[in-house]
Amino acid sequence: MTTYVGVIAEDKTDIAVFEILMRKITNKKIVIRGFAGRGGGEIIKKASSWIDVLKHQGCSVVILAHDLDEQRLTDLKGSLAKILQVCSIKRNIAVIPVKEVEAWFLADHKAIQESLKLRENVNKIASPETVNRPKEKLRDLIWIKSRKIISYTTGLNPRIAQACTIPKLMKCESFVPFYKFVKNI
């Protein structure tokens, strides 16, 4: 049986990343439908109507993904919980990568190195979720380790996600609820 999963995220590359990671977590047949905001503000404004559209497209599961960025976790959780409380799709979760989804990639230094074929080894980062600006850290790391050949864009995220291993990502506390949710789809 195929499960249709709706993913609402900040951009199309985030939707691709979540799809790749879901396929790594579960062997079940899933089809992804998604909506991408242009940043988190649009997600908050439009999520309810997008969820209704996803339900009409056959989705029985919805994942609402929003980077924490500089917000307070309790505030963002509250905002997303309000949306999901009245959600027309009852199997749902709010996923909040701390601070950004790129922190998850920093948890798997070998995936970064191998997926981009970097010339130099990438050092292990002990606590990726404590990195203040993970996207910029990843950008700088790629620029330095590729010897100024590769410029980072979020378009590289799906390639990095493809190389990531689930045990490495489990080091990120914000990844664990997503993992458990997908495991139970």
N, C-alpha and C. Protein backbone atom coordinates (compact mmCIF):
# COMPACT_ATOMS: atom_id res chain seq x y z
N MET A 1 0.84 -1.18 0.00
CA MET A 1 0.00 0.00 0.00
C MET A 1 0.89 1.25 0.00
N THR A 2 0.53 2.20 -0.82
CA THR A 2 1.28 3.44 -0.93
C THR A 2 0.70 4.48 0.02
N THR A 3 1.60 5.18 0.70
CA THR A 3 1.20 6.27 1.60
C THR A 3 1.60 7.58 0.95
N TYR A 4 0.64 8.50 0.87
CA TYR A 4 0.91 9.83 0.33
C TYR A 4 1.24 10.75 1.50
N VAL A 5 2.42 11.36 1.41
CA VAL A 5 2.92 12.20 2.48
C VAL A 5 3.06 13.63 1.97
N GLY A 6 2.44 14.54 2.67
CA GLY A 6 2.59 15.96 2.36
C GLY A 6 3.74 16.54 3.16
N VAL A 7 4.59 17.29 2.49
CA VAL A 7 5.70 17.96 3.16
C VAL A 7 5.59 19.45 2.88
N ILE A 8 5.53 20.22 3.94
CA ILE A 8 5.54 21.68 3.82
C ILE A 8 6.85 22.14 4.43
N ALA A 9 7.64 22.84 3.63
CA ALA A 9 8.97 23.26 4.08
C ALA A 9 9.29 24.63 3.52
N GLU A 10 10.46 25.14 3.91
CA GLU A 10 10.83 26.50 3.54
C GLU A 10 11.19 26.66 2.06
N ASP A 11 11.72 25.63 1.44
CA ASP A 11 11.99 25.70 0.00
C ASP A 11 11.99 24.31 -0.61
N LYS A 12 12.08 24.25 -1.93
CA LYS A 12 11.99 22.97 -2.64
C LYS A 12 13.12 22.02 -2.28
N THR A 13 14.30 22.56 -2.02
CA THR A 13 15.41 21.67 -1.65
C THR A 13 15.16 21.01 -0.30
N ASP A 14 14.48 21.72 0.60
CA ASP A 14 14.12 21.10 1.89
C ASP A 14 13.15 19.94 1.69
N ILE A 15 12.19 20.12 0.80
CA ILE A 15 11.25 19.03 0.50
C ILE A 15 12.03 17.83 -0.03
N ALA A 16 12.96 18.07 -0.93
CA ALA A 16 13.78 16.99 -1.48
C ALA A 16 14.59 16.30 -0.38
N VAL A 17 15.16 17.07 0.53
CA VAL A 17 15.94 16.51 1.63
C VAL A 17 15.05 15.62 2.50
N PHE A 18 13.87 16.09 2.86
CA PHE A 18 12.98 15.29 3.69
C PHE A 18 12.54 14.02 2.97
N GLU A 19 12.31 14.10 1.68
CA GLU A 19 11.96 12.90 0.92
C GLU A 19 13.10 11.88 0.95
N ILE A 20 14.31 12.33 0.70
CA ILE A 20 15.48 11.45 0.71
C ILE A 20 15.63 10.79 2.07
N LEU A 21 15.52 11.58 3.13
CA LEU A 21 15.69 11.03 4.47
C LEU A 21 14.56 10.06 4.82
N MET A 22 13.33 10.35 4.40
CA MET A 22 12.23 9.42 4.64
C MET A 22 12.48 8.08 3.97
N ARG A 23 12.97 8.12 2.74
CA ARG A 23 13.24 6.88 2.02
C ARG A 23 14.37 6.08 2.67
N LYS A 24 15.29 6.76 3.35
CA LYS A 24 16.34 6.06 4.09
C LYS A 24 15.81 5.42 5.37
N ILE A 25 14.77 6.01 5.95
CA ILE A 25 14.22 5.54 7.22
C ILE A 25 13.24 4.39 7.02
N THR A 26 12.41 4.46 5.99
CA THR A 26 11.37 3.45 5.81
C THR A 26 11.47 2.81 4.43
N ASN A 27 11.07 1.55 4.38
CA ASN A 27 11.02 0.83 3.11
C ASN A 27 9.61 0.86 2.51
N LYS A 28 8.69 1.47 3.22
CA LYS A 28 7.31 1.52 2.74
C LYS A 28 7.23 2.40 1.49
N LYS A 29 6.25 2.10 0.66
CA LYS A 29 6.04 2.90 -0.54
C LYS A 29 5.42 4.23 -0.14
N ILE A 30 6.12 5.31 -0.47
CA ILE A 30 5.60 6.64 -0.18
C ILE A 30 5.68 7.50 -1.43
N VAL A 31 4.71 8.38 -1.54
CA VAL A 31 4.69 9.39 -2.59
C VAL A 31 4.65 10.73 -1.88
N ILE A 32 5.52 11.62 -2.29
CA ILE A 32 5.63 12.93 -1.64
C ILE A 32 4.90 13.98 -2.47
N ARG A 33 4.10 14.75 -1.78
CA ARG A 33 3.48 15.95 -2.34
C ARG A 33 3.97 17.10 -1.46
N GLY A 34 4.25 18.25 -2.03
CA GLY A 34 4.80 19.28 -1.17
C GLY A 34 4.44 20.70 -1.55
N PHE A 35 4.62 21.56 -0.58
CA PHE A 35 4.53 23.00 -0.77
C PHE A 35 5.76 23.63 -0.15
N ALA A 36 6.34 24.57 -0.87
CA ALA A 36 7.52 25.27 -0.38
C ALA A 36 7.19 26.74 -0.19
N GLY A 37 7.45 27.21 1.01
CA GLY A 37 7.30 28.64 1.27
C GLY A 37 8.59 29.32 0.84
N ARG A 38 8.58 30.59 0.91
CA ARG A 38 9.82 31.35 0.69
C ARG A 38 10.26 31.84 2.05
N GLY A 39 10.71 30.88 2.85
CA GLY A 39 11.06 31.16 4.24
C GLY A 39 9.94 30.76 5.16
N GLY A 40 10.22 30.86 6.45
CA GLY A 40 9.29 30.38 7.45
C GLY A 40 8.00 31.18 7.60
N GLY A 41 8.05 32.49 7.36
CA GLY A 41 6.86 33.31 7.52
C GLY A 41 5.71 32.87 6.64
N GLU A 42 6.03 32.51 5.42
CA GLU A 42 5.00 32.06 4.49
C GLU A 42 4.40 30.73 4.94
N ILE A 43 5.21 29.89 5.54
CA ILE A 43 4.71 28.60 6.04
C ILE A 43 3.62 28.84 7.08
N ILE A 44 3.90 29.72 8.03
CA ILE A 44 2.94 30.01 9.09
C ILE A 44 1.63 30.56 8.50
N LYS A 45 1.73 31.43 7.52
CA LYS A 45 0.55 32.06 6.93
C LYS A 45 -0.28 31.09 6.09
N LYS A 46 0.39 30.21 5.34
CA LYS A 46 -0.32 29.42 4.34
C LYS A 46 -0.47 27.94 4.66
N ALA A 47 0.13 27.47 5.73
CA ALA A 47 0.16 26.03 6.01
C ALA A 47 -1.23 25.40 6.05
N SER A 48 -2.17 26.05 6.71
CA SER A 48 -3.51 25.47 6.84
C SER A 48 -4.16 25.23 5.48
N SER A 49 -4.08 26.21 4.59
CA SER A 49 -4.69 26.03 3.27
C SER A 49 -3.90 25.00 2.45
N TRP A 50 -2.58 25.00 2.59
CA TRP A 50 -1.78 24.00 1.87
C TRP A 50 -2.12 22.58 2.35
N ILE A 51 -2.33 22.43 3.64
CA ILE A 51 -2.68 21.11 4.19
C ILE A 51 -4.00 20.63 3.60
N ASP A 52 -4.98 21.53 3.46
CA ASP A 52 -6.26 21.15 2.85
C ASP A 52 -6.06 20.68 1.42
N VAL A 53 -5.20 21.36 0.67
CA VAL A 53 -4.91 20.95 -0.71
C VAL A 53 -4.24 19.57 -0.71
N LEU A 54 -3.27 19.37 0.20
CA LEU A 54 -2.58 18.08 0.29
C LEU A 54 -3.56 16.95 0.61
N LYS A 55 -4.53 17.23 1.46
CA LYS A 55 -5.55 16.21 1.78
C LYS A 55 -6.34 15.86 0.53
N HIS A 56 -6.70 16.88 -0.25
CA HIS A 56 -7.44 16.63 -1.50
C HIS A 56 -6.59 15.89 -2.52
N GLN A 57 -5.27 15.98 -2.38
CA GLN A 57 -4.36 15.25 -3.27
C GLN A 57 -4.10 13.83 -2.75
N GLY A 58 -4.78 13.44 -1.69
CA GLY A 58 -4.68 12.07 -1.20
C GLY A 58 -3.69 11.85 -0.07
N CYS A 59 -3.12 12.91 0.48
CA CYS A 59 -2.15 12.75 1.57
C CYS A 59 -2.87 12.37 2.86
N SER A 60 -2.34 11.35 3.52
CA SER A 60 -2.88 10.92 4.81
C SER A 60 -1.90 11.25 5.94
N VAL A 61 -0.76 11.80 5.57
CA VAL A 61 0.29 12.17 6.51
C VAL A 61 0.82 13.54 6.08
N VAL A 62 1.14 14.40 7.06
CA VAL A 62 1.75 15.68 6.72
C VAL A 62 2.91 15.97 7.68
N ILE A 63 3.97 16.50 7.08
CA ILE A 63 5.15 16.93 7.83
C ILE A 63 5.30 18.43 7.59
N LEU A 64 5.29 19.18 8.68
CA LEU A 64 5.43 20.62 8.64
C LEU A 64 6.82 20.95 9.16
N ALA A 65 7.72 21.35 8.25
CA ALA A 65 9.13 21.57 8.60
C ALA A 65 9.45 23.06 8.59
N HIS A 66 10.09 23.51 9.65
CA HIS A 66 10.42 24.93 9.79
C HIS A 66 11.71 25.04 10.59
N ASP A 67 12.74 25.63 9.98
CA ASP A 67 14.00 25.84 10.71
C ASP A 67 13.77 26.72 11.93
N LEU A 68 14.50 26.45 13.00
CA LEU A 68 14.39 27.27 14.20
C LEU A 68 14.99 28.65 13.98
N ASP A 69 16.09 28.71 13.25
CA ASP A 69 16.81 29.96 13.03
C ASP A 69 17.09 30.62 14.38
N GLU A 70 16.70 31.86 14.55
CA GLU A 70 16.98 32.59 15.79
C GLU A 70 15.76 32.68 16.71
N GLN A 71 14.71 31.93 16.40
CA GLN A 71 13.50 31.99 17.21
C GLN A 71 13.66 31.18 18.50
N ARG A 72 12.76 31.41 19.42
CA ARG A 72 12.72 30.57 20.63
C ARG A 72 11.95 29.30 20.28
N LEU A 73 12.50 28.17 20.69
CA LEU A 73 11.90 26.88 20.35
C LEU A 73 10.46 26.77 20.84
N THR A 74 10.20 27.20 22.06
CA THR A 74 8.84 27.10 22.60
C THR A 74 7.85 27.94 21.79
N ASP A 75 8.28 29.11 21.33
CA ASP A 75 7.39 29.97 20.53
C ASP A 75 7.07 29.32 19.19
N LEU A 76 8.10 28.82 18.51
CA LEU A 76 7.87 28.20 17.20
C LEU A 76 7.05 26.93 17.34
N LYS A 77 7.36 26.11 18.33
CA LYS A 77 6.56 24.89 18.58
C LYS A 77 5.09 25.25 18.77
N GLY A 78 4.86 26.30 19.54
CA GLY A 78 3.49 26.74 19.79
C GLY A 78 2.78 27.17 18.52
N SER A 79 3.46 27.94 17.69
CA SER A 79 2.86 28.40 16.42
C SER A 79 2.51 27.23 15.51
N LEU A 80 3.43 26.28 15.40
CA LEU A 80 3.20 25.13 14.53
C LEU A 80 2.15 24.19 15.13
N ALA A 81 2.14 24.06 16.46
CA ALA A 81 1.14 23.21 17.12
C ALA A 81 -0.27 23.73 16.87
N LYS A 82 -0.45 25.06 16.88
CA LYS A 82 -1.76 25.65 16.60
C LYS A 82 -2.25 25.27 15.21
N ILE A 83 -1.33 25.29 14.26
CA ILE A 83 -1.70 24.92 12.88
C ILE A 83 -2.10 23.45 12.82
N LEU A 84 -1.31 22.59 13.45
CA LEU A 84 -1.57 21.15 13.37
C LEU A 84 -2.75 20.70 14.22
N GLN A 85 -3.10 21.49 15.23
CA GLN A 85 -4.22 21.17 16.11
C GLN A 85 -5.53 21.13 15.34
N VAL A 86 -5.66 22.01 14.36
CA VAL A 86 -6.90 22.07 13.57
C VAL A 86 -6.68 21.50 12.16
N CYS A 87 -5.60 20.77 12.00
CA CYS A 87 -5.20 20.22 10.71
C CYS A 87 -6.20 19.16 10.23
N SER A 88 -6.53 19.20 8.96
CA SER A 88 -7.46 18.23 8.38
C SER A 88 -6.80 16.86 8.16
N ILE A 89 -5.47 16.78 8.31
CA ILE A 89 -4.74 15.51 8.23
C ILE A 89 -4.27 15.19 9.65
N LYS A 90 -4.82 14.13 10.22
CA LYS A 90 -4.58 13.84 11.63
C LYS A 90 -3.22 13.22 11.93
N ARG A 91 -2.61 12.54 10.98
CA ARG A 91 -1.26 12.00 11.19
C ARG A 91 -0.29 13.08 10.75
N ASN A 92 0.24 13.83 11.71
CA ASN A 92 1.06 14.98 11.38
C ASN A 92 2.15 15.19 12.40
N ILE A 93 3.14 15.95 11.99
CA ILE A 93 4.24 16.32 12.89
C ILE A 93 4.84 17.65 12.44
N ALA A 94 5.26 18.42 13.42
CA ALA A 94 6.05 19.62 13.16
C ALA A 94 7.51 19.24 13.41
N VAL A 95 8.35 19.45 12.41
CA VAL A 95 9.77 19.15 12.53
C VAL A 95 10.52 20.48 12.54
N ILE A 96 11.32 20.67 13.59
CA ILE A 96 12.04 21.94 13.74
C ILE A 96 13.53 21.65 13.84
N PRO A 97 14.24 21.66 12.70
CA PRO A 97 15.69 21.50 12.77
C PRO A 97 16.32 22.67 13.55
N VAL A 98 17.22 22.34 14.45
CA VAL A 98 17.90 23.35 15.28
C VAL A 98 19.30 23.53 14.72
N LYS A 99 19.63 24.66 14.38
CA LYS A 99 19.02 25.91 14.01
C LYS A 99 18.48 25.84 12.58
N GLU A 100 19.14 25.07 11.76
CA GLU A 100 18.72 24.89 10.36
C GLU A 100 18.96 23.43 9.98
N VAL A 101 18.32 22.99 8.91
CA VAL A 101 18.50 21.61 8.46
C VAL A 101 19.97 21.31 8.16
N GLU A 102 20.74 22.33 7.82
CA GLU A 102 22.17 22.13 7.54
C GLU A 102 22.93 21.64 8.77
N ALA A 103 22.40 21.88 9.97
CA ALA A 103 23.04 21.35 11.18
C ALA A 103 23.01 19.82 11.16
N TRP A 104 21.94 19.26 10.61
CA TRP A 104 21.87 17.80 10.50
C TRP A 104 23.01 17.29 9.63
N PHE A 105 23.30 18.00 8.55
CA PHE A 105 24.40 17.57 7.67
C PHE A 105 25.75 17.67 8.37
N LEU A 106 25.91 18.68 9.20
CA LEU A 106 27.17 18.85 9.94
C LEU A 106 27.40 17.67 10.89
N ALA A 107 26.34 16.94 11.22
CA ALA A 107 26.48 15.76 12.09
C ALA A 107 27.18 14.61 11.37
N ASP A 108 27.19 14.65 10.04
CA ASP A 108 27.80 13.57 9.26
C ASP A 108 28.89 14.16 8.36
N HIS A 109 30.04 14.42 8.95
CA HIS A 109 31.14 15.07 8.23
C HIS A 109 31.60 14.27 7.02
N LYS A 110 31.53 12.94 7.12
CA LYS A 110 31.95 12.11 5.98
C LYS A 110 30.99 12.25 4.80
N ALA A 111 29.72 12.43 5.08
CA ALA A 111 28.74 12.61 4.01
C ALA A 111 29.01 13.89 3.23
N ILE A 112 29.38 14.93 3.94
CA ILE A 112 29.72 16.20 3.27
C ILE A 112 30.92 15.99 2.37
N GLN A 113 31.93 15.38 2.92
CA GLN A 113 33.18 15.18 2.18
C GLN A 113 32.96 14.28 0.96
N GLU A 114 32.28 13.16 1.15
CA GLU A 114 32.11 12.19 0.06
C GLU A 114 31.14 12.67 -1.01
N SER A 115 30.03 13.29 -0.59
CA SER A 115 29.02 13.70 -1.57
C SER A 115 29.53 14.80 -2.51
N LEU A 116 30.43 15.63 -1.99
CA LEU A 116 30.94 16.73 -2.80
C LEU A 116 32.37 16.49 -3.29
N LYS A 117 32.89 15.30 -2.97
CA LYS A 117 34.24 14.92 -3.39
C LYS A 117 35.26 16.01 -3.02
N LEU A 118 35.22 16.41 -1.77
CA LEU A 118 36.11 17.47 -1.30
C LEU A 118 37.54 16.97 -1.25
N ARG A 119 38.46 17.84 -1.53
CA ARG A 119 39.88 17.48 -1.62
C ARG A 119 40.50 17.23 -0.24
N GLU A 120 39.98 17.88 0.77
CA GLU A 120 40.53 17.74 2.12
C GLU A 120 39.49 17.13 3.04
N ASN A 121 39.95 16.47 4.11
CA ASN A 121 39.06 15.86 5.08
C ASN A 121 38.27 16.93 5.83
N VAL A 122 37.02 16.60 6.10
CA VAL A 122 36.16 17.47 6.89
C VAL A 122 36.23 17.00 8.33
N ASN A 123 36.48 17.93 9.23
CA ASN A 123 36.57 17.57 10.65
C ASN A 123 35.20 17.29 11.23
N LYS A 124 35.17 16.38 12.18
CA LYS A 124 33.95 16.03 12.89
C LYS A 124 33.52 17.20 13.76
N ILE A 125 32.23 17.48 13.79
CA ILE A 125 31.68 18.53 14.65
C ILE A 125 30.89 17.84 15.76
N ALA A 126 31.35 17.99 16.98
CA ALA A 126 30.78 17.25 18.11
C ALA A 126 29.31 17.56 18.37
N SER A 127 28.94 18.81 18.33
CA SER A 127 27.56 19.22 18.65
C SER A 127 27.03 20.14 17.55
N PRO A 128 26.60 19.57 16.44
CA PRO A 128 26.19 20.41 15.31
C PRO A 128 25.02 21.35 15.59
N GLU A 129 24.15 20.97 16.51
CA GLU A 129 23.00 21.82 16.79
C GLU A 129 23.36 23.05 17.63
N THR A 130 24.60 23.11 18.11
CA THR A 130 25.05 24.30 18.84
C THR A 130 25.78 25.28 17.92
N VAL A 131 25.98 24.90 16.67
CA VAL A 131 26.61 25.81 15.70
C VAL A 131 25.64 26.95 15.45
N ASN A 132 26.11 28.17 15.62
CA ASN A 132 25.24 29.35 15.56
C ASN A 132 24.57 29.53 14.19
N ARG A 133 25.30 29.41 13.12
CA ARG A 133 24.74 29.59 11.77
C ARG A 133 25.20 28.42 10.90
N PRO A 134 24.49 27.29 10.98
CA PRO A 134 24.93 26.07 10.30
C PRO A 134 25.08 26.21 8.78
N LYS A 135 24.19 26.96 8.16
CA LYS A 135 24.26 27.13 6.70
C LYS A 135 25.57 27.82 6.32
N GLU A 136 25.91 28.87 7.05
CA GLU A 136 27.15 29.60 6.78
C GLU A 136 28.37 28.74 7.12
N LYS A 137 28.27 27.97 8.18
CA LYS A 137 29.36 27.07 8.58
C LYS A 137 29.60 26.04 7.46
N LEU A 138 28.52 25.47 6.95
CA LEU A 138 28.63 24.49 5.86
C LEU A 138 29.22 25.15 4.62
N ARG A 139 28.75 26.34 4.30
CA ARG A 139 29.26 27.09 3.14
C ARG A 139 30.76 27.30 3.26
N ASP A 140 31.20 27.80 4.42
CA ASP A 140 32.62 28.08 4.62
C ASP A 140 33.46 26.81 4.60
N LEU A 141 32.94 25.78 5.23
CA LEU A 141 33.64 24.50 5.28
C LEU A 141 33.85 23.93 3.87
N ILE A 142 32.80 23.97 3.05
CA ILE A 142 32.89 23.46 1.68
C ILE A 142 33.87 24.29 0.86
N TRP A 143 33.83 25.59 1.02
CA TRP A 143 34.71 26.49 0.27
C TRP A 143 36.18 26.20 0.61
N ILE A 144 36.46 26.06 1.90
CA ILE A 144 37.83 25.81 2.35
C ILE A 144 38.30 24.41 1.95
N LYS A 145 37.48 23.40 2.21
CA LYS A 145 37.89 22.01 1.97
C LYS A 145 37.90 21.63 0.49
N SER A 146 37.21 22.41 -0.35
CA SER A 146 37.27 22.15 -1.79
C SER A 146 38.38 22.98 -2.43
N ARG A 147 39.07 23.75 -1.60
CA ARG A 147 40.11 24.67 -2.06
C ARG A 147 39.56 25.70 -3.04
N LYS A 148 38.43 26.27 -2.63
CA LYS A 148 37.78 27.38 -3.34
C LYS A 148 37.26 26.99 -4.72
N ILE A 149 36.86 25.75 -4.87
CA ILE A 149 36.30 25.30 -6.15
C ILE A 149 34.78 25.25 -6.09
N ILE A 150 34.24 24.79 -4.97
CA ILE A 150 32.79 24.60 -4.86
C ILE A 150 32.19 25.73 -4.02
N SER A 151 31.22 26.41 -4.60
CA SER A 151 30.44 27.41 -3.86
C SER A 151 29.17 26.73 -3.39
N TYR A 152 28.90 26.83 -2.11
CA TYR A 152 27.72 26.19 -1.54
C TYR A 152 26.45 26.95 -1.87
N THR A 153 25.43 26.21 -2.27
CA THR A 153 24.06 26.70 -2.36
C THR A 153 23.19 25.61 -1.76
N THR A 154 21.97 25.95 -1.39
CA THR A 154 21.07 24.94 -0.83
C THR A 154 20.74 23.86 -1.87
N GLY A 155 21.01 24.13 -3.12
CA GLY A 155 20.83 23.12 -4.17
C GLY A 155 21.70 21.89 -3.96
N LEU A 156 22.76 22.01 -3.18
CA LEU A 156 23.62 20.86 -2.86
C LEU A 156 23.04 20.00 -1.74
N ASN A 157 22.06 20.51 -1.01
CA ASN A 157 21.53 19.78 0.15
C ASN A 157 21.01 18.38 -0.17
N PRO A 158 20.25 18.18 -1.25
CA PRO A 158 19.80 16.82 -1.54
C PRO A 158 20.96 15.85 -1.77
N ARG A 159 22.01 16.31 -2.40
CA ARG A 159 23.18 15.44 -2.64
C ARG A 159 23.84 15.07 -1.31
N ILE A 160 23.94 16.03 -0.40
CA ILE A 160 24.52 15.74 0.91
C ILE A 160 23.60 14.80 1.68
N ALA A 161 22.28 15.06 1.64
CA ALA A 161 21.32 14.20 2.34
C ALA A 161 21.41 12.76 1.85
N GLN A 162 21.61 12.59 0.56
CA GLN A 162 21.72 11.24 -0.02
C GLN A 162 22.89 10.48 0.58
N ALA A 163 23.96 11.18 0.92
CA ALA A 163 25.15 10.53 1.47
C ALA A 163 25.09 10.36 2.99
N CYS A 164 24.18 11.07 3.64
CA CYS A 164 24.10 11.00 5.11
C CYS A 164 23.64 9.63 5.58
N THR A 165 24.13 9.25 6.75
CA THR A 165 23.69 8.00 7.38
C THR A 165 22.79 8.34 8.56
N ILE A 166 21.76 7.55 8.73
CA ILE A 166 20.79 7.81 9.80
C ILE A 166 21.44 7.78 11.18
N PRO A 167 22.33 6.83 11.50
CA PRO A 167 22.95 6.86 12.83
C PRO A 167 23.67 8.17 13.14
N LYS A 168 24.31 8.78 12.15
CA LYS A 168 24.99 10.06 12.37
C LYS A 168 23.96 11.18 12.63
N LEU A 169 22.87 11.16 11.87
CA LEU A 169 21.85 12.19 12.03
C LEU A 169 21.15 12.08 13.38
N MET A 170 21.10 10.88 13.94
CA MET A 170 20.45 10.67 15.23
C MET A 170 21.17 11.42 16.35
N LYS A 171 22.38 11.91 16.10
CA LYS A 171 23.08 12.73 17.09
C LYS A 171 22.39 14.07 17.28
N CYS A 172 21.58 14.45 16.32
CA CYS A 172 20.85 15.73 16.41
C CYS A 172 19.50 15.48 17.07
N GLU A 173 19.33 16.09 18.22
CA GLU A 173 18.11 15.90 18.99
C GLU A 173 16.86 16.25 18.19
N SER A 174 16.95 17.26 17.33
CA SER A 174 15.79 17.68 16.54
C SER A 174 15.45 16.71 15.41
N PHE A 175 16.37 15.82 15.08
CA PHE A 175 16.13 14.83 14.03
C PHE A 175 15.32 13.64 14.57
N VAL A 176 15.50 13.32 15.83
CA VAL A 176 14.93 12.10 16.43
C VAL A 176 13.40 12.03 16.31
N PRO A 177 12.64 13.08 16.63
CA PRO A 177 11.18 12.98 16.47
C PRO A 177 10.76 12.70 15.02
N PHE A 178 11.44 13.32 14.07
CA PHE A 178 11.17 13.06 12.65
C PHE A 178 11.42 11.59 12.34
N TYR A 179 12.55 11.06 12.78
CA TYR A 179 12.89 9.66 12.56
C TYR A 179 11.81 8.74 13.12
N LYS A 180 11.42 8.96 14.37
CA LYS A 180 10.40 8.11 15.01
C LYS A 180 9.07 8.18 14.30
N PHE A 181 8.70 9.39 13.87
CA PHE A 181 7.43 9.57 13.17
C PHE A 181 7.42 8.81 11.85
N VAL A 182 8.48 8.96 11.08
CA VAL A 182 8.56 8.29 9.78
C VAL A 182 8.60 6.77 9.97
N LYS A 183 9.30 6.30 10.98
CA LYS A 183 9.37 4.86 11.26
C LYS A 183 7.99 4.27 11.48
N ASN A 184 7.08 5.08 12.02
CA ASN A 184 5.73 4.60 12.35
C ASN A 184 4.68 4.91 11.28
N ILE A 185 5.10 5.43 10.15
CA ILE A 185 4.13 5.68 9.07
C ILE A 185 3.61 4.34 8.58
